[in-house]
Amino acid sequence: MGEQRTSLGPVRSLYQATAAGQRAAAAWLSAPVEHARDVRSELMVKLALLDRTGADSQTLLRAQLTWLLPVAAALDDRLRAATGFDHTLVLWRHVARATRQNSLP
């Protein structure tokens, strides 16, 4: 699409997504992250991109929370049933999940 000159580095090449690419990006940005382990990385990238474009992130955050609630409930069930080191491991996962959940508005 063009070039952008800057004093901070080499000339940047500018590209524009096709209509299909824009639809794919919009679909990806609106879909909750499917694995709890990816919340800190993939969800944060999605939120940063939504913020950068001025888009509302509340719909994504609500969808993500809806997806995570059953995961949290399953962890609660496992925590009640676990003993010994398994209890410690499940407790660690439970605390990690709570930390992530508390970071969502």
PDB file of N, CA and C in Angstrom:
ATOM      1  N   MET A   1       0.826  -1.187   0.000  1.00  0.00           N
ATOM      2  CA  MET A   1       0.000   0.000   0.000  1.00  0.00           C
ATOM      3  C   MET A   1       0.869   1.250   0.000  1.00  0.00           C
ATOM      4  N   GLY A   2       2.082   1.129   0.537  1.00  0.00           N
ATOM      5  CA  GLY A   2       2.960   2.284   0.542  1.00  0.00           C
ATOM      6  C   GLY A   2       4.104   2.097   1.505  1.00  0.00           C
ATOM      7  N   GLU A   3       4.784   3.206   1.751  1.00  0.00           N
ATOM      8  CA  GLU A   3       5.921   3.196   2.668  1.00  0.00           C
ATOM      9  C   GLU A   3       5.799   4.357   3.644  1.00  0.00           C
ATOM     10  N   GLN A   4       6.407   4.185   4.794  1.00  0.00           N
ATOM     11  CA  GLN A   4       6.427   5.236   5.803  1.00  0.00           C
ATOM     12  C   GLN A   4       7.876   5.432   6.237  1.00  0.00           C
ATOM     13  N   ARG A   5       8.368   6.629   6.049  1.00  0.00           N
ATOM     14  CA  ARG A   5       9.737   6.939   6.462  1.00  0.00           C
ATOM     15  C   ARG A   5       9.712   7.437   7.903  1.00  0.00           C
ATOM     16  N   THR A   6      10.746   7.076   8.632  1.00  0.00           N
ATOM     17  CA  THR A   6      10.847   7.489  10.030  1.00  0.00           C
ATOM     18  C   THR A   6      12.314   7.663  10.385  1.00  0.00           C
ATOM     19  N   SER A   7      12.574   8.525  11.327  1.00  0.00           N
ATOM     20  CA  SER A   7      13.954   8.731  11.765  1.00  0.00           C
ATOM     21  C   SER A   7      14.366   7.677  12.795  1.00  0.00           C
ATOM     22  N   LEU A   8      13.437   6.819  13.183  1.00  0.00           N
ATOM     23  CA  LEU A   8      13.701   5.827  14.223  1.00  0.00           C
ATOM     24  C   LEU A   8      14.159   4.471  13.681  1.00  0.00           C
ATOM     25  N   GLY A   9      14.250   4.326  12.390  1.00  0.00           N
ATOM     26  CA  GLY A   9      14.654   3.035  11.839  1.00  0.00           C
ATOM     27  C   GLY A   9      14.454   3.001  10.342  1.00  0.00           C
ATOM     28  N   PRO A  10      14.470   1.805   9.785  1.00  0.00           N
ATOM     29  CA  PRO A  10      14.324   1.677   8.336  1.00  0.00           C
ATOM     30  C   PRO A  10      12.916   2.071   7.867  1.00  0.00           C
ATOM     31  N   VAL A  11      12.784   2.254   6.585  1.00  0.00           N
ATOM     32  CA  VAL A  11      11.487   2.572   5.987  1.00  0.00           C
ATOM     33  C   VAL A  11      10.528   1.413   6.256  1.00  0.00           C
ATOM     34  N   ARG A  12       9.320   1.737   6.674  1.00  0.00           N
ATOM     35  CA  ARG A  12       8.314   0.714   6.950  1.00  0.00           C
ATOM     36  C   ARG A  12       7.445   0.522   5.721  1.00  0.00           C
ATOM     37  N   SER A  13       7.151  -0.729   5.411  1.00  0.00           N
ATOM     38  CA  SER A  13       6.203  -1.045   4.348  1.00  0.00           C
ATOM     39  C   SER A  13       4.812  -1.113   4.956  1.00  0.00           C
ATOM     40  N   LEU A  14       3.858  -0.441   4.347  1.00  0.00           N
ATOM     41  CA  LEU A  14       2.484  -0.424   4.828  1.00  0.00           C
ATOM     42  C   LEU A  14       1.621  -1.324   3.964  1.00  0.00           C
ATOM     43  N   TYR A  15       0.795  -2.128   4.595  1.00  0.00           N
ATOM     44  CA  TYR A  15      -0.083  -3.054   3.891  1.00  0.00           C
ATOM     45  C   TYR A  15      -1.506  -2.848   4.364  1.00  0.00           C
ATOM     46  N   GLN A  16      -2.450  -3.253   3.540  1.00  0.00           N
ATOM     47  CA  GLN A  16      -3.858  -3.197   3.921  1.00  0.00           C
ATOM     48  C   GLN A  16      -4.439  -4.590   3.750  1.00  0.00           C
ATOM     49  N   ALA A  17      -5.177  -5.042   4.759  1.00  0.00           N
ATOM     50  CA  ALA A  17      -5.786  -6.367   4.709  1.00  0.00           C
ATOM     51  C   ALA A  17      -6.903  -6.391   3.681  1.00  0.00           C
ATOM     52  N   THR A  18      -7.083  -7.551   3.069  1.00  0.00           N
ATOM     53  CA  THR A  18      -8.206  -7.742   2.157  1.00  0.00           C
ATOM     54  C   THR A  18      -9.498  -7.773   2.966  1.00  0.00           C
ATOM     55  N   ALA A  19     -10.623  -7.731   2.294  1.00  0.00           N
ATOM     56  CA  ALA A  19     -11.909  -7.812   2.985  1.00  0.00           C
ATOM     57  C   ALA A  19     -12.010  -9.130   3.758  1.00  0.00           C
ATOM     58  N   ALA A  20     -11.558 -10.216   3.151  1.00  0.00           N
ATOM     59  CA  ALA A  20     -11.584 -11.521   3.828  1.00  0.00           C
ATOM     60  C   ALA A  20     -10.660 -11.503   5.045  1.00  0.00           C
ATOM     61  N   GLY A  21      -9.517 -10.872   4.920  1.00  0.00           N
ATOM     62  CA  GLY A  21      -8.586 -10.763   6.037  1.00  0.00           C
ATOM     63  C   GLY A  21      -9.167  -9.930   7.166  1.00  0.00           C
ATOM     64  N   GLN A  22      -9.862  -8.863   6.824  1.00  0.00           N
ATOM     65  CA  GLN A  22     -10.502  -8.023   7.838  1.00  0.00           C
ATOM     66  C   GLN A  22     -11.593  -8.793   8.575  1.00  0.00           C
ATOM     67  N   ARG A  23     -12.369  -9.602   7.834  1.00  0.00           N
ATOM     68  CA  ARG A  23     -13.412 -10.417   8.472  1.00  0.00           C
ATOM     69  C   ARG A  23     -12.783 -11.469   9.390  1.00  0.00           C
ATOM     70  N   ALA A  24     -11.709 -12.090   8.945  1.00  0.00           N
ATOM     71  CA  ALA A  24     -11.028 -13.103   9.759  1.00  0.00           C
ATOM     72  C   ALA A  24     -10.460 -12.471  11.031  1.00  0.00           C
ATOM     73  N   ALA A  25      -9.871 -11.301  10.911  1.00  0.00           N
ATOM     74  CA  ALA A  25      -9.314 -10.611  12.075  1.00  0.00           C
ATOM     75  C   ALA A  25     -10.425 -10.231  13.046  1.00  0.00           C
ATOM     76  N   ALA A  26     -11.537  -9.731  12.534  1.00  0.00           N
ATOM     77  CA  ALA A  26     -12.664  -9.345  13.392  1.00  0.00           C
ATOM     78  C   ALA A  26     -13.227 -10.565  14.116  1.00  0.00           C
ATOM     79  N   ALA A  27     -13.325 -11.692  13.419  1.00  0.00           N
ATOM     80  CA  ALA A  27     -13.826 -12.920  14.051  1.00  0.00           C
ATOM     81  C   ALA A  27     -12.876 -13.385  15.151  1.00  0.00           C
ATOM     82  N   TRP A  28     -11.573 -13.344  14.887  1.00  0.00           N
ATOM     83  CA  TRP A  28     -10.584 -13.758  15.880  1.00  0.00           C
ATOM     84  C   TRP A  28     -10.619 -12.835  17.091  1.00  0.00           C
ATOM     85  N   LEU A  29     -10.725 -11.536  16.854  1.00  0.00           N
ATOM     86  CA  LEU A  29     -10.743 -10.573  17.951  1.00  0.00           C
ATOM     87  C   LEU A  29     -11.984 -10.710  18.832  1.00  0.00           C
ATOM     88  N   SER A  30     -13.072 -11.207  18.291  1.00  0.00           N
ATOM     89  CA  SER A  30     -14.312 -11.312  19.067  1.00  0.00           C
ATOM     90  C   SER A  30     -14.473 -12.664  19.755  1.00  0.00           C
ATOM     91  N   ALA A  31     -13.616 -13.627  19.435  1.00  0.00           N
ATOM     92  CA  ALA A  31     -13.740 -14.972  20.005  1.00  0.00           C
ATOM     93  C   ALA A  31     -12.944 -15.102  21.303  1.00  0.00           C
ATOM     94  N   PRO A  32     -13.553 -15.684  22.332  1.00  0.00           N
ATOM     95  CA  PRO A  32     -12.801 -15.887  23.573  1.00  0.00           C
ATOM     96  C   PRO A  32     -11.651 -16.870  23.355  1.00  0.00           C
ATOM     97  N   VAL A  33     -10.637 -16.763  24.170  1.00  0.00           N
ATOM     98  CA  VAL A  33      -9.495 -17.662  24.128  1.00  0.00           C
ATOM     99  C   VAL A  33      -9.964 -19.034  24.590  1.00  0.00           C
ATOM    100  N   GLU A  34      -9.573 -20.082  23.873  1.00  0.00           N
ATOM    101  CA  GLU A  34     -10.093 -21.420  24.152  1.00  0.00           C
ATOM    102  C   GLU A  34      -9.362 -22.169  25.255  1.00  0.00           C
ATOM    103  N   HIS A  35      -8.151 -21.764  25.586  1.00  0.00           N
ATOM    104  CA  HIS A  35      -7.381 -22.460  26.622  1.00  0.00           C
ATOM    105  C   HIS A  35      -7.014 -21.472  27.720  1.00  0.00           C
ATOM    106  N   ALA A  36      -7.289 -21.857  28.954  1.00  0.00           N
ATOM    107  CA  ALA A  36      -7.003 -20.973  30.084  1.00  0.00           C
ATOM    108  C   ALA A  36      -5.536 -20.563  30.110  1.00  0.00           C
ATOM    109  N   ARG A  37      -4.649 -21.455  29.666  1.00  0.00           N
ATOM    110  CA  ARG A  37      -3.213 -21.139  29.692  1.00  0.00           C
ATOM    111  C   ARG A  37      -2.857 -19.989  28.747  1.00  0.00           C
ATOM    112  N   ASP A  38      -3.727 -19.693  27.782  1.00  0.00           N
ATOM    113  CA  ASP A  38      -3.456 -18.637  26.812  1.00  0.00           C
ATOM    114  C   ASP A  38      -4.091 -17.300  27.171  1.00  0.00           C
ATOM    115  N   VAL A  39      -4.757 -17.230  28.312  1.00  0.00           N
ATOM    116  CA  VAL A  39      -5.437 -15.987  28.687  1.00  0.00           C
ATOM    117  C   VAL A  39      -4.442 -14.842  28.785  1.00  0.00           C
ATOM    118  N   ARG A  40      -3.316 -15.079  29.448  1.00  0.00           N
ATOM    119  CA  ARG A  40      -2.354 -13.985  29.630  1.00  0.00           C
ATOM    120  C   ARG A  40      -1.716 -13.538  28.333  1.00  0.00           C
ATOM    121  N   SER A  41      -1.543 -14.423  27.377  1.00  0.00           N
ATOM    122  CA  SER A  41      -0.881 -14.021  26.134  1.00  0.00           C
ATOM    123  C   SER A  41      -1.899 -13.643  25.063  1.00  0.00           C
ATOM    124  N   GLU A  42      -2.681 -14.593  24.593  1.00  0.00           N
ATOM    125  CA  GLU A  42      -3.590 -14.326  23.476  1.00  0.00           C
ATOM    126  C   GLU A  42      -4.664 -13.309  23.821  1.00  0.00           C
ATOM    127  N   LEU A  43      -5.279 -13.443  24.995  1.00  0.00           N
ATOM    128  CA  LEU A  43      -6.320 -12.479  25.371  1.00  0.00           C
ATOM    129  C   LEU A  43      -5.741 -11.082  25.503  1.00  0.00           C
ATOM    130  N   MET A  44      -4.553 -10.967  26.066  1.00  0.00           N
ATOM    131  CA  MET A  44      -3.935  -9.647  26.216  1.00  0.00           C
ATOM    132  C   MET A  44      -3.639  -9.022  24.847  1.00  0.00           C
ATOM    133  N   VAL A  45      -3.213  -9.822  23.882  1.00  0.00           N
ATOM    134  CA  VAL A  45      -2.975  -9.303  22.531  1.00  0.00           C
ATOM    135  C   VAL A  45      -4.289  -8.803  21.941  1.00  0.00           C
ATOM    136  N   LYS A  46      -5.345  -9.602  22.095  1.00  0.00           N
ATOM    137  CA  LYS A  46      -6.651  -9.183  21.572  1.00  0.00           C
ATOM    138  C   LYS A  46      -7.103  -7.871  22.212  1.00  0.00           C
ATOM    139  N   LEU A  47      -6.955  -7.774  23.533  1.00  0.00           N
ATOM    140  CA  LEU A  47      -7.373  -6.548  24.217  1.00  0.00           C
ATOM    141  C   LEU A  47      -6.537  -5.350  23.791  1.00  0.00           C
ATOM    142  N   ALA A  48      -5.247  -5.563  23.586  1.00  0.00           N
ATOM    143  CA  ALA A  48      -4.383  -4.462  23.132  1.00  0.00           C
ATOM    144  C   ALA A  48      -4.790  -4.000  21.741  1.00  0.00           C
ATOM    145  N   LEU A  49      -5.080  -4.946  20.848  1.00  0.00           N
ATOM    146  CA  LEU A  49      -5.480  -4.569  19.487  1.00  0.00           C
ATOM    147  C   LEU A  49      -6.838  -3.876  19.487  1.00  0.00           C
ATOM    148  N   LEU A  50      -7.768  -4.362  20.283  1.00  0.00           N
ATOM    149  CA  LEU A  50      -9.071  -3.696  20.372  1.00  0.00           C
ATOM    150  C   LEU A  50      -8.907  -2.277  20.903  1.00  0.00           C
ATOM    151  N   ASP A  51      -8.069  -2.112  21.902  1.00  0.00           N
ATOM    152  CA  ASP A  51      -7.815  -0.783  22.463  1.00  0.00           C
ATOM    153  C   ASP A  51      -7.173   0.133  21.425  1.00  0.00           C
ATOM    154  N   ARG A  52      -6.204  -0.397  20.711  1.00  0.00           N
ATOM    155  CA  ARG A  52      -5.491   0.398  19.709  1.00  0.00           C
ATOM    156  C   ARG A  52      -6.427   0.901  18.613  1.00  0.00           C
ATOM    157  N   THR A  53      -7.449   0.097  18.274  1.00  0.00           N
ATOM    158  CA  THR A  53      -8.386   0.504  17.227  1.00  0.00           C
ATOM    159  C   THR A  53      -9.581   1.277  17.782  1.00  0.00           C
ATOM    160  N   GLY A  54      -9.650   1.414  19.111  1.00  0.00           N
ATOM    161  CA  GLY A  54     -10.758   2.142  19.716  1.00  0.00           C
ATOM    162  C   GLY A  54     -12.030   1.317  19.835  1.00  0.00           C
ATOM    163  N   ALA A  55     -11.930  -0.004  19.634  1.00  0.00           N
ATOM    164  CA  ALA A  55     -13.101  -0.878  19.713  1.00  0.00           C
ATOM    165  C   ALA A  55     -13.418  -1.209  21.171  1.00  0.00           C
ATOM    166  N   ASP A  56     -14.677  -1.498  21.435  1.00  0.00           N
ATOM    167  CA  ASP A  56     -15.123  -1.866  22.779  1.00  0.00           C
ATOM    168  C   ASP A  56     -14.719  -3.306  23.067  1.00  0.00           C
ATOM    169  N   SER A  57     -14.088  -3.539  24.188  1.00  0.00           N
ATOM    170  CA  SER A  57     -13.624  -4.884  24.543  1.00  0.00           C
ATOM    171  C   SER A  57     -14.589  -5.603  25.479  1.00  0.00           C
ATOM    172  N   GLN A  58     -15.656  -4.959  25.917  1.00  0.00           N
ATOM    173  CA  GLN A  58     -16.561  -5.553  26.898  1.00  0.00           C
ATOM    174  C   GLN A  58     -17.216  -6.837  26.400  1.00  0.00           C
ATOM    175  N   THR A  59     -17.587  -6.897  25.139  1.00  0.00           N
ATOM    176  CA  THR A  59     -18.225  -8.097  24.600  1.00  0.00           C
ATOM    177  C   THR A  59     -17.269  -9.280  24.667  1.00  0.00           C
ATOM    178  N   LEU A  60     -16.022  -9.056  24.272  1.00  0.00           N
ATOM    179  CA  LEU A  60     -15.021 -10.117  24.351  1.00  0.00           C
ATOM    180  C   LEU A  60     -14.801 -10.537  25.792  1.00  0.00           C
ATOM    181  N   LEU A  61     -14.681  -9.575  26.699  1.00  0.00           N
ATOM    182  CA  LEU A  61     -14.436  -9.899  28.104  1.00  0.00           C
ATOM    183  C   LEU A  61     -15.591 -10.687  28.714  1.00  0.00           C
ATOM    184  N   ARG A  62     -16.813 -10.327  28.367  1.00  0.00           N
ATOM    185  CA  ARG A  62     -17.965 -11.083  28.868  1.00  0.00           C
ATOM    186  C   ARG A  62     -17.959 -12.511  28.323  1.00  0.00           C
ATOM    187  N   ALA A  63     -17.667 -12.655  27.034  1.00  0.00           N
ATOM    188  CA  ALA A  63     -17.597 -13.991  26.428  1.00  0.00           C
ATOM    189  C   ALA A  63     -16.481 -14.811  27.067  1.00  0.00           C
ATOM    190  N   GLN A  64     -15.339 -14.169  27.339  1.00  0.00           N
ATOM    191  CA  GLN A  64     -14.224 -14.873  27.955  1.00  0.00           C
ATOM    192  C   GLN A  64     -14.585 -15.329  29.362  1.00  0.00           C
ATOM    193  N   LEU A  65     -15.225 -14.472  30.121  1.00  0.00           N
ATOM    194  CA  LEU A  65     -15.631 -14.832  31.477  1.00  0.00           C
ATOM    195  C   LEU A  65     -16.633 -15.983  31.442  1.00  0.00           C
ATOM    196  N   THR A  66     -17.582 -15.939  30.524  1.00  0.00           N
ATOM    197  CA  THR A  66     -18.562 -17.015  30.379  1.00  0.00           C
ATOM    198  C   THR A  66     -17.857 -18.333  30.070  1.00  0.00           C
ATOM    199  N   TRP A  67     -16.826 -18.285  29.255  1.00  0.00           N
ATOM    200  CA  TRP A  67     -16.076 -19.494  28.917  1.00  0.00           C
ATOM    201  C   TRP A  67     -15.275 -19.986  30.125  1.00  0.00           C
ATOM    202  N   LEU A  68     -14.719 -19.067  30.911  1.00  0.00           N
ATOM    203  CA  LEU A  68     -13.859 -19.461  32.024  1.00  0.00           C
ATOM    204  C   LEU A  68     -14.623 -19.943  33.260  1.00  0.00           C
ATOM    205  N   LEU A  69     -15.867 -19.528  33.440  1.00  0.00           N
ATOM    206  CA  LEU A  69     -16.606 -19.907  34.646  1.00  0.00           C
ATOM    207  C   LEU A  69     -16.735 -21.419  34.822  1.00  0.00           C
ATOM    208  N   PRO A  70     -17.062 -22.194  33.781  1.00  0.00           N
ATOM    209  CA  PRO A  70     -17.099 -23.653  33.964  1.00  0.00           C
ATOM    210  C   PRO A  70     -15.719 -24.243  34.283  1.00  0.00           C
ATOM    211  N   VAL A  71     -14.677 -23.656  33.744  1.00  0.00           N
ATOM    212  CA  VAL A  71     -13.316 -24.105  34.053  1.00  0.00           C
ATOM    213  C   VAL A  71     -13.041 -23.881  35.530  1.00  0.00           C
ATOM    214  N   ALA A  72     -13.436 -22.719  36.030  1.00  0.00           N
ATOM    215  CA  ALA A  72     -13.240 -22.409  37.444  1.00  0.00           C
ATOM    216  C   ALA A  72     -14.064 -23.352  38.322  1.00  0.00           C
ATOM    217  N   ALA A  73     -15.280 -23.649  37.915  1.00  0.00           N
ATOM    218  CA  ALA A  73     -16.129 -24.557  38.694  1.00  0.00           C
ATOM    219  C   ALA A  73     -15.507 -25.955  38.741  1.00  0.00           C
ATOM    220  N   ALA A  74     -14.955 -26.404  37.631  1.00  0.00           N
ATOM    221  CA  ALA A  74     -14.301 -27.716  37.606  1.00  0.00           C
ATOM    222  C   ALA A  74     -13.093 -27.732  38.538  1.00  0.00           C
ATOM    223  N   LEU A  75     -12.344 -26.635  38.560  1.00  0.00           N
ATOM    224  CA  LEU A  75     -11.205 -26.549  39.483  1.00  0.00           C
ATOM    225  C   LEU A  75     -11.676 -26.579  40.934  1.00  0.00           C
ATOM    226  N   ASP A  76     -12.778 -25.911  41.223  1.00  0.00           N
ATOM    227  CA  ASP A  76     -13.328 -25.940  42.585  1.00  0.00           C
ATOM    228  C   ASP A  76     -13.681 -27.368  42.989  1.00  0.00           C
ATOM    229  N   ASP A  77     -14.309 -28.099  42.072  1.00  0.00           N
ATOM    230  CA  ASP A  77     -14.668 -29.495  42.349  1.00  0.00           C
ATOM    231  C   ASP A  77     -13.424 -30.339  42.594  1.00  0.00           C
ATOM    232  N   ARG A  78     -12.405 -30.148  41.760  1.00  0.00           N
ATOM    233  CA  ARG A  78     -11.163 -30.910  41.920  1.00  0.00           C
ATOM    234  C   ARG A  78     -10.474 -30.548  43.228  1.00  0.00           C
ATOM    235  N   LEU A  79     -10.541 -29.295  43.622  1.00  0.00           N
ATOM    236  CA  LEU A  79      -9.908 -28.863  44.866  1.00  0.00           C
ATOM    237  C   LEU A  79     -10.550 -29.554  46.067  1.00  0.00           C
ATOM    238  N   ARG A  80     -11.861 -29.667  46.060  1.00  0.00           N
ATOM    239  CA  ARG A  80     -12.560 -30.323  47.164  1.00  0.00           C
ATOM    240  C   ARG A  80     -12.215 -31.816  47.245  1.00  0.00           C
ATOM    241  N   ALA A  81     -11.951 -32.449  46.111  1.00  0.00           N
ATOM    242  CA  ALA A  81     -11.711 -33.897  46.074  1.00  0.00           C
ATOM    243  C   ALA A  81     -10.236 -34.267  46.231  1.00  0.00           C
ATOM    244  N   ALA A  82      -9.332 -33.337  46.006  1.00  0.00           N
ATOM    245  CA  ALA A  82      -7.901 -33.664  45.983  1.00  0.00           C
ATOM    246  C   ALA A  82      -7.323 -33.769  47.391  1.00  0.00           C
ATOM    247  N   THR A  83      -6.274 -34.597  47.497  1.00  0.00           N
ATOM    248  CA  THR A  83      -5.541 -34.747  48.751  1.00  0.00           C
ATOM    249  C   THR A  83      -4.049 -34.738  48.455  1.00  0.00           C
ATOM    250  N   GLY A  84      -3.255 -34.564  49.495  1.00  0.00           N
ATOM    251  CA  GLY A  84      -1.800 -34.614  49.349  1.00  0.00           C
ATOM    252  C   GLY A  84      -1.277 -33.564  48.380  1.00  0.00           C
ATOM    253  N   PHE A  85      -0.256 -33.952  47.611  1.00  0.00           N
ATOM    254  CA  PHE A  85       0.341 -33.008  46.668  1.00  0.00           C
ATOM    255  C   PHE A  85      -0.636 -32.617  45.568  1.00  0.00           C
ATOM    256  N   ASP A  86      -1.528 -33.540  45.195  1.00  0.00           N
ATOM    257  CA  ASP A  86      -2.546 -33.188  44.195  1.00  0.00           C
ATOM    258  C   ASP A  86      -3.368 -31.990  44.677  1.00  0.00           C
ATOM    259  N   HIS A  87      -3.651 -31.939  45.966  1.00  0.00           N
ATOM    260  CA  HIS A  87      -4.385 -30.799  46.528  1.00  0.00           C
ATOM    261  C   HIS A  87      -3.578 -29.514  46.354  1.00  0.00           C
ATOM    262  N   THR A  88      -2.268 -29.595  46.625  1.00  0.00           N
ATOM    263  CA  THR A  88      -1.395 -28.422  46.459  1.00  0.00           C
ATOM    264  C   THR A  88      -1.389 -27.956  45.014  1.00  0.00           C
ATOM    265  N   LEU A  89      -1.278 -28.895  44.077  1.00  0.00           N
ATOM    266  CA  LEU A  89      -1.250 -28.556  42.653  1.00  0.00           C
ATOM    267  C   LEU A  89      -2.560 -27.925  42.204  1.00  0.00           C
ATOM    268  N   VAL A  90      -3.670 -28.502  42.588  1.00  0.00           N
ATOM    269  CA  VAL A  90      -4.975 -27.944  42.221  1.00  0.00           C
ATOM    270  C   VAL A  90      -5.171 -26.582  42.881  1.00  0.00           C
ATOM    271  N   LEU A  91      -4.719 -26.430  44.114  1.00  0.00           N
ATOM    272  CA  LEU A  91      -4.819 -25.135  44.795  1.00  0.00           C
ATOM    273  C   LEU A  91      -4.029 -24.072  44.044  1.00  0.00           C
ATOM    274  N   TRP A  92      -2.835 -24.418  43.569  1.00  0.00           N
ATOM    275  CA  TRP A  92      -2.032 -23.475  42.794  1.00  0.00           C
ATOM    276  C   TRP A  92      -2.776 -23.058  41.530  1.00  0.00           C
ATOM    277  N   ARG A  93      -3.376 -24.022  40.838  1.00  0.00           N
ATOM    278  CA  ARG A  93      -4.153 -23.692  39.629  1.00  0.00           C
ATOM    279  C   ARG A  93      -5.346 -22.822  39.977  1.00  0.00           C
ATOM    280  N   HIS A  94      -5.969 -23.115  41.105  1.00  0.00           N
ATOM    281  CA  HIS A  94      -7.125 -22.344  41.546  1.00  0.00           C
ATOM    282  C   HIS A  94      -6.735 -20.889  41.814  1.00  0.00           C
ATOM    283  N   VAL A  95      -5.625 -20.679  42.484  1.00  0.00           N
ATOM    284  CA  VAL A  95      -5.146 -19.319  42.775  1.00  0.00           C
ATOM    285  C   VAL A  95      -4.766 -18.607  41.479  1.00  0.00           C
ATOM    286  N   ALA A  96      -4.110 -19.323  40.562  1.00  0.00           N
ATOM    287  CA  ALA A  96      -3.746 -18.722  39.274  1.00  0.00           C
ATOM    288  C   ALA A  96      -4.989 -18.307  38.505  1.00  0.00           C
ATOM    289  N   ARG A  97      -6.021 -19.127  38.541  1.00  0.00           N
ATOM    290  CA  ARG A  97      -7.266 -18.791  37.864  1.00  0.00           C
ATOM    291  C   ARG A  97      -7.911 -17.569  38.507  1.00  0.00           C
ATOM    292  N   ALA A  98      -7.915 -17.501  39.811  1.00  0.00           N
ATOM    293  CA  ALA A  98      -8.493 -16.353  40.507  1.00  0.00           C
ATOM    294  C   ALA A  98      -7.753 -15.080  40.170  1.00  0.00           C
ATOM    295  N   THR A  99      -6.443 -15.172  40.058  1.00  0.00           N
ATOM    296  CA  THR A  99      -5.645 -14.003  39.698  1.00  0.00           C
ATOM    297  C   THR A  99      -6.032 -13.498  38.320  1.00  0.00           C
ATOM    298  N   ARG A 100      -6.181 -14.417  37.359  1.00  0.00           N
ATOM    299  CA  ARG A 100      -6.577 -14.015  36.006  1.00  0.00           C
ATOM    300  C   ARG A 100      -7.975 -13.421  36.003  1.00  0.00           C
ATOM    301  N   GLN A 101      -8.894 -14.084  36.737  1.00  0.00           N
ATOM    302  CA  GLN A 101     -10.273 -13.615  36.760  1.00  0.00           C
ATOM    303  C   GLN A 101     -10.367 -12.217  37.364  1.00  0.00           C
ATOM    304  N   ASN A 102      -9.587 -11.943  38.401  1.00  0.00           N
ATOM    305  CA  ASN A 102      -9.636 -10.635  39.034  1.00  0.00           C
ATOM    306  C   ASN A 102      -9.048  -9.543  38.155  1.00  0.00           C
ATOM    307  N   SER A 103      -8.282  -9.908  37.119  1.00  0.00           N
ATOM    308  CA  SER A 103      -7.736  -8.897  36.238  1.00  0.00           C
ATOM    309  C   SER A 103      -8.727  -8.481  35.163  1.00  0.00           C
ATOM    310  N   LEU A 104      -9.844  -9.234  35.020  1.00  0.00           N
ATOM    311  CA  LEU A 104     -10.865  -8.877  34.039  1.00  0.00           C
ATOM    312  C   LEU A 104     -11.829  -7.887  34.671  1.00  0.00           C
ATOM    313  N   PRO A 105     -12.184  -6.813  33.929  1.00  0.00           N
ATOM    314  CA  PRO A 105     -13.115  -5.832  34.491  1.00  0.00           C
ATOM    315  C   PRO A 105     -14.502  -6.386  34.689  1.00  0.00           C
TER     316      PRO A 105
END
